[in-house]
Amino acid sequence: MSSCLTSLEDEIKPLGLGIKFVAQGEESYWLKDKRFSVTNGKYLLVNETLPRFDITIKNAITRAVCVDIDAALVNDLLLQTIYPNDLDNYNSTAQYLLTPELFVNEAVAEKPMQKLLNFIISSSASQTLDRPGIELIYELTSLVVKNSEETIKSYYSLETAKLSTRQELFRRLLTGKEVLDDSLFSDLSIKQVAEACCLSEFRFYRLFKQCFGDSPYNYLFKKRIDKSIELKKDGLSWVDIATQLNFTDLAAFSKSFKKIKGIAPSKVLF
């Protein structure tokens, strides 16, 4: 369903896998008391297992499209992605459905997806379509799963006996990842992050590495180093950056920077 609106307040319940794409303007979505701002060229994925959520558009021209994809189609493609050599389980794919934790926060649609979604918007608005609609859905589903492949593989890398256990552990690990993302300027310990996830420190460390392919320590260091480059572009000195990012001194920061980027911070070209 394409739309061109200047104001809207509504409540939505997605069917299957819902894609909310904004070609122009801004739409605000509220899920579980958290706001997601979807602006030009970005999209949000939501899942039918989520409760209803709110959408707001305030006094701005907004061109967007909402596409709901049947869960069975998503399941089928997920099965092909995870087990590409399995030819016989196409009727048993319910266990592969994306969980509520796998929606994408303000993800940027790459050029092929933007081109397809913009075509869907214009075709829907003019009610003209020169190819079968189901082909567009197949193509869009493939692009969505491809763009989410890293997250999907992280989810299925968790070794659990029960689907419900995998879902809950992944939800907790994503919580831990968010806590790490928000602690770039603090001295929060990994033990404190684990406690926020209701996991022991060792279990959090082991599962985080199993799921995301890196330890929480390295993940945090890499995020801090990436942030340091942003701060340098803003005109801060390396000394100030090292202090803000909670390194003990400039030498410790430089050592970590070189370990992750392969060069000293003073050698970075902007």
Protein backbone atom coordinates (compact mmCIF):
# COMPACT_ATOMS: atom_id res chain seq x y z
CA MET A 1 0.00 0.00 0.00
CA SER A 2 1.65 3.23 -1.15
CA SER A 3 0.85 6.56 0.47
CA CYS A 4 1.42 10.28 0.08
CA LEU A 5 0.52 11.97 3.37
CA THR A 6 1.24 15.09 5.40
CA SER A 7 -0.28 13.99 8.72
CA LEU A 8 -1.21 10.67 10.29
CA GLU A 9 -1.64 9.00 13.66
CA ASP A 10 -2.62 5.36 13.51
CA GLU A 11 -2.13 1.90 15.01
CA ILE A 12 -0.83 -0.95 12.84
CA LYS A 13 -0.76 -4.73 13.10
CA PRO A 14 1.61 -6.25 10.51
CA LEU A 15 0.65 -9.33 8.53
CA GLY A 16 3.52 -11.73 7.88
CA LEU A 17 6.73 -9.76 7.41
CA GLY A 18 5.98 -6.05 7.14
CA ILE A 19 8.28 -3.65 5.27
CA LYS A 20 7.85 0.07 5.97
CA PHE A 21 9.83 2.09 3.40
CA VAL A 22 9.99 5.89 3.15
CA ALA A 23 11.01 7.43 -0.18
CA GLN A 24 10.47 11.02 0.97
CA GLY A 25 9.87 12.58 4.37
CA GLU A 26 9.79 10.90 7.77
CA GLU A 27 7.57 8.37 9.54
CA SER A 28 7.88 7.65 13.26
CA TYR A 29 7.10 4.19 14.61
CA TRP A 30 6.70 3.31 18.29
CA LEU A 31 7.45 -0.29 19.24
CA LYS A 32 7.70 -1.38 22.87
CA ASP A 33 8.05 2.23 24.08
CA LYS A 34 10.91 2.90 21.66
CA ARG A 35 10.80 5.34 18.74
CA PHE A 36 12.13 4.42 15.30
CA SER A 37 12.57 7.24 12.79
CA VAL A 38 12.31 6.05 9.19
CA THR A 39 13.46 8.73 6.75
CA ASN A 40 14.38 9.09 3.06
CA GLY A 41 15.58 5.79 1.61
CA LYS A 42 15.31 3.85 4.87
CA TYR A 43 13.05 1.03 5.94
CA LEU A 44 11.88 -0.87 8.99
CA LEU A 45 11.06 -4.56 9.20
CA VAL A 46 8.36 -5.76 11.56
CA ASN A 47 6.92 -9.18 12.19
CA GLU A 48 3.37 -10.42 12.70
CA THR A 49 4.35 -11.78 16.12
CA LEU A 50 4.82 -8.20 17.35
CA PRO A 51 1.91 -6.50 19.08
CA ARG A 52 0.25 -3.56 17.42
CA PHE A 53 2.42 -0.47 17.11
CA ASP A 54 1.88 3.22 16.44
CA ILE A 55 2.82 5.33 13.44
CA THR A 56 2.99 9.13 13.35
CA ILE A 57 3.51 11.59 10.48
CA LYS A 58 3.56 15.26 11.46
CA ASN A 59 3.00 18.11 9.00
CA ALA A 60 5.43 17.00 6.30
CA ILE A 61 4.97 15.56 2.83
CA THR A 62 5.72 11.86 3.03
CA ARG A 63 5.85 9.33 0.20
CA ALA A 64 6.07 5.77 1.46
CA VAL A 65 4.99 2.19 0.94
CA CYS A 66 3.96 -0.60 3.27
CA VAL A 67 4.38 -4.15 1.96
CA ASP A 68 3.19 -7.21 3.92
CA ILE A 69 4.82 -10.47 2.77
CA ASP A 70 3.25 -13.83 3.54
CA ALA A 71 5.09 -15.61 6.36
CA ALA A 72 5.27 -18.88 4.41
CA LEU A 73 7.23 -17.18 1.63
CA VAL A 74 9.68 -15.69 4.14
CA ASN A 75 10.04 -19.08 5.83
CA ASP A 76 10.80 -20.78 2.53
CA LEU A 77 13.53 -18.29 1.65
CA LEU A 78 15.01 -18.49 5.16
CA LEU A 79 15.23 -22.27 4.84
CA GLN A 80 17.02 -21.90 1.49
CA THR A 81 19.41 -19.36 3.03
CA ILE A 82 20.28 -21.43 6.10
CA TYR A 83 20.28 -24.87 4.45
CA PRO A 84 20.86 -24.30 0.70
CA ASN A 85 21.45 -28.01 0.03
CA ASP A 86 18.27 -29.23 1.75
CA LEU A 87 15.71 -30.05 -0.94
CA ASP A 88 13.08 -31.99 1.01
CA ASN A 89 11.86 -29.80 3.88
CA TYR A 90 10.00 -27.11 1.97
CA ASN A 91 6.75 -28.07 3.74
CA SER A 92 8.26 -27.79 7.25
CA THR A 93 9.52 -24.24 7.44
CA ALA A 94 7.52 -22.74 10.31
CA GLN A 95 10.50 -22.97 12.68
CA TYR A 96 12.53 -20.63 10.46
CA LEU A 97 10.24 -17.62 10.74
CA LEU A 98 11.96 -14.36 11.65
CA THR A 99 11.40 -13.62 15.33
CA PRO A 100 10.29 -10.22 16.63
CA GLU A 101 13.89 -9.48 17.57
CA LEU A 102 15.03 -9.57 13.93
CA PHE A 103 13.41 -6.36 12.75
CA VAL A 104 15.87 -3.83 11.34
CA ASN A 105 16.19 -0.45 12.99
CA GLU A 106 16.30 2.39 10.46
CA ALA A 107 18.20 0.30 7.90
CA VAL A 108 19.25 2.01 4.68
CA ALA A 109 17.79 0.33 1.61
CA GLU A 110 20.53 -0.43 -0.88
CA LYS A 111 20.12 0.77 -4.47
CA PRO A 112 18.44 -2.38 -5.88
CA MET A 113 15.87 -2.35 -3.05
CA GLN A 114 15.27 1.39 -3.33
CA LYS A 115 14.73 1.07 -7.07
CA LEU A 116 12.25 -1.78 -6.61
CA LEU A 117 10.33 -0.10 -3.78
CA ASN A 118 10.14 3.20 -5.65
CA PHE A 119 8.79 1.27 -8.65
CA ILE A 120 6.17 -0.32 -6.40
CA ILE A 121 5.20 3.13 -5.06
CA SER A 122 4.78 4.65 -8.54
CA SER A 123 2.98 1.58 -9.92
CA SER A 124 0.61 1.46 -6.96
CA ALA A 125 -0.16 5.17 -7.24
CA SER A 126 -0.86 5.00 -10.99
CA GLN A 127 -2.48 1.56 -10.78
CA THR A 128 -0.35 0.38 -13.68
CA LEU A 129 1.85 -2.69 -13.50
CA ASP A 130 3.70 -4.20 -16.44
CA ARG A 131 4.69 -7.43 -14.67
CA PRO A 132 3.01 -9.90 -12.27
CA GLY A 133 2.80 -8.52 -8.74
CA ILE A 134 3.96 -11.80 -7.23
CA GLU A 135 7.26 -11.44 -9.09
CA LEU A 136 7.83 -8.12 -7.35
CA ILE A 137 7.10 -9.76 -3.99
CA TYR A 138 9.54 -12.60 -4.71
CA GLU A 139 12.23 -10.12 -5.72
CA LEU A 140 11.62 -7.89 -2.70
CA THR A 141 11.67 -10.83 -0.28
CA SER A 142 15.00 -12.00 -1.69
CA LEU A 143 16.50 -8.51 -1.24
CA VAL A 144 15.19 -8.19 2.32
CA VAL A 145 16.59 -11.54 3.41
CA LYS A 146 19.90 -10.82 1.66
CA ASN A 147 20.22 -7.45 3.42
CA SER A 148 19.41 -9.11 6.77
CA GLU A 149 21.61 -12.15 6.18
CA GLU A 150 24.22 -11.25 8.81
CA THR A 151 21.57 -10.89 11.52
CA ILE A 152 19.77 -14.04 10.41
CA LYS A 153 22.93 -16.13 10.51
CA SER A 154 23.78 -14.71 13.93
CA TYR A 155 20.37 -15.84 15.18
CA TYR A 156 20.70 -19.36 13.80
CA SER A 157 24.29 -19.73 15.00
CA LEU A 158 22.96 -20.06 18.54
CA GLU A 159 23.02 -23.75 19.43
CA THR A 160 19.87 -24.54 21.39
CA ALA A 161 17.57 -27.53 21.64
CA LYS A 162 14.37 -25.47 21.62
CA LEU A 163 13.22 -22.69 19.31
CA SER A 164 11.80 -20.77 22.26
CA THR A 165 15.20 -20.86 24.00
CA ARG A 166 16.95 -19.52 20.88
CA GLN A 167 14.42 -16.70 20.60
CA GLU A 168 14.82 -15.70 24.24
CA LEU A 169 18.62 -15.90 24.20
CA PHE A 170 18.82 -13.88 21.00
CA ARG A 171 16.52 -11.25 22.52
CA ARG A 172 18.81 -11.00 25.55
CA LEU A 173 21.94 -10.84 23.42
CA LEU A 174 20.47 -8.02 21.33
CA THR A 175 19.72 -6.23 24.59
CA GLY A 176 23.39 -6.68 25.53
CA LYS A 177 24.45 -5.38 22.14
CA GLU A 178 22.33 -2.26 22.62
CA VAL A 179 23.82 -1.72 26.09
CA LEU A 180 27.33 -1.97 24.59
CA ASP A 181 26.39 0.48 21.83
CA ASP A 182 25.20 2.94 24.49
CA SER A 183 28.30 2.57 26.68
CA LEU A 184 30.97 3.95 24.34
CA PHE A 185 31.59 6.89 26.68
CA SER A 186 31.27 5.02 29.98
CA ASP A 187 33.29 2.49 31.95
CA LEU A 188 30.50 -0.08 32.06
CA SER A 189 31.92 -3.55 32.64
CA ILE A 190 30.99 -6.66 30.69
CA LYS A 191 29.69 -8.10 33.96
CA GLN A 192 27.22 -5.22 34.19
CA VAL A 193 26.17 -5.77 30.57
CA ALA A 194 25.61 -9.47 31.29
CA GLU A 195 23.50 -8.59 34.32
CA ALA A 196 21.36 -6.33 32.13
CA CYS A 197 20.69 -9.42 29.98
CA CYS A 198 19.97 -11.63 33.02
CA LEU A 199 22.91 -13.89 32.10
CA SER A 200 26.10 -14.83 33.91
CA GLU A 201 29.19 -13.04 32.65
CA PHE A 202 30.72 -16.21 31.21
CA ARG A 203 27.50 -17.32 29.51
CA PHE A 204 26.99 -13.88 28.01
CA TYR A 205 30.59 -13.85 26.75
CA ARG A 206 30.29 -17.37 25.23
CA LEU A 207 26.90 -16.84 23.60
CA PHE A 208 27.74 -13.34 22.32
CA LYS A 209 30.83 -14.70 20.58
CA GLN A 210 28.90 -17.70 19.24
CA CYS A 211 26.15 -15.47 17.92
CA PHE A 212 28.05 -12.45 16.55
CA GLY A 213 31.44 -14.00 15.82
CA ASP A 214 33.30 -11.65 18.16
CA SER A 215 33.71 -11.24 21.91
CA PRO A 216 31.80 -8.43 23.62
CA TYR A 217 35.17 -6.89 24.55
CA ASN A 218 36.35 -6.73 20.93
CA TYR A 219 32.93 -5.59 19.76
CA LEU A 220 33.01 -2.66 22.20
CA PHE A 221 36.59 -1.73 21.27
CA LYS A 222 35.72 -1.74 17.56
CA LYS A 223 32.67 0.45 18.15
CA ARG A 224 34.80 2.89 20.15
CA ILE A 225 37.46 3.04 17.46
CA ASP A 226 34.82 3.66 14.79
CA LYS A 227 33.36 6.38 16.99
CA SER A 228 36.80 7.93 17.43
CA ILE A 229 37.04 8.53 13.68
CA GLU A 230 33.66 10.29 13.72
CA LEU A 231 34.81 12.49 16.61
CA LYS A 232 38.06 13.32 14.82
CA LYS A 233 36.08 14.47 11.79
CA ASP A 234 34.21 16.78 14.18
CA GLY A 235 37.51 18.45 15.04
CA LEU A 236 38.40 16.88 18.40
CA SER A 237 42.01 16.07 19.28
CA TRP A 238 43.11 12.45 19.71
CA VAL A 239 43.81 13.17 23.39
CA ASP A 240 40.27 14.43 23.96
CA ILE A 241 38.85 11.51 22.00
CA ALA A 242 40.82 8.96 24.04
CA THR A 243 39.53 10.55 27.25
CA GLN A 244 35.91 10.71 26.08
CA LEU A 245 35.95 7.08 24.96
CA ASN A 246 37.23 5.99 28.36
CA PHE A 247 40.74 4.85 27.42
CA THR A 248 43.29 5.14 30.23
CA ASP A 249 45.54 7.39 28.15
CA LEU A 250 46.50 8.26 24.58
CA ALA A 251 49.02 5.40 24.39
CA ALA A 252 46.35 2.81 25.27
CA PHE A 253 44.00 4.33 22.72
CA SER A 254 46.69 4.37 19.99
CA LYS A 255 47.56 0.73 20.69
CA SER A 256 43.90 -0.34 20.40
CA PHE A 257 43.39 1.80 17.29
CA LYS A 258 46.39 0.24 15.54
CA LYS A 259 45.31 -3.27 16.56
CA ILE A 260 41.89 -2.81 14.99
CA LYS A 261 42.63 -0.51 12.03
CA GLY A 262 46.20 -1.61 11.28
CA ILE A 263 47.63 1.92 11.42
CA ALA A 264 48.25 4.55 14.08
CA PRO A 265 45.50 7.17 14.49
CA SER A 266 47.93 9.88 13.37
CA LYS A 267 48.21 8.13 9.97
CA VAL A 268 44.47 8.25 9.23
CA LEU A 269 43.62 10.45 6.27
CA PHE A 270 40.40 12.47 6.21
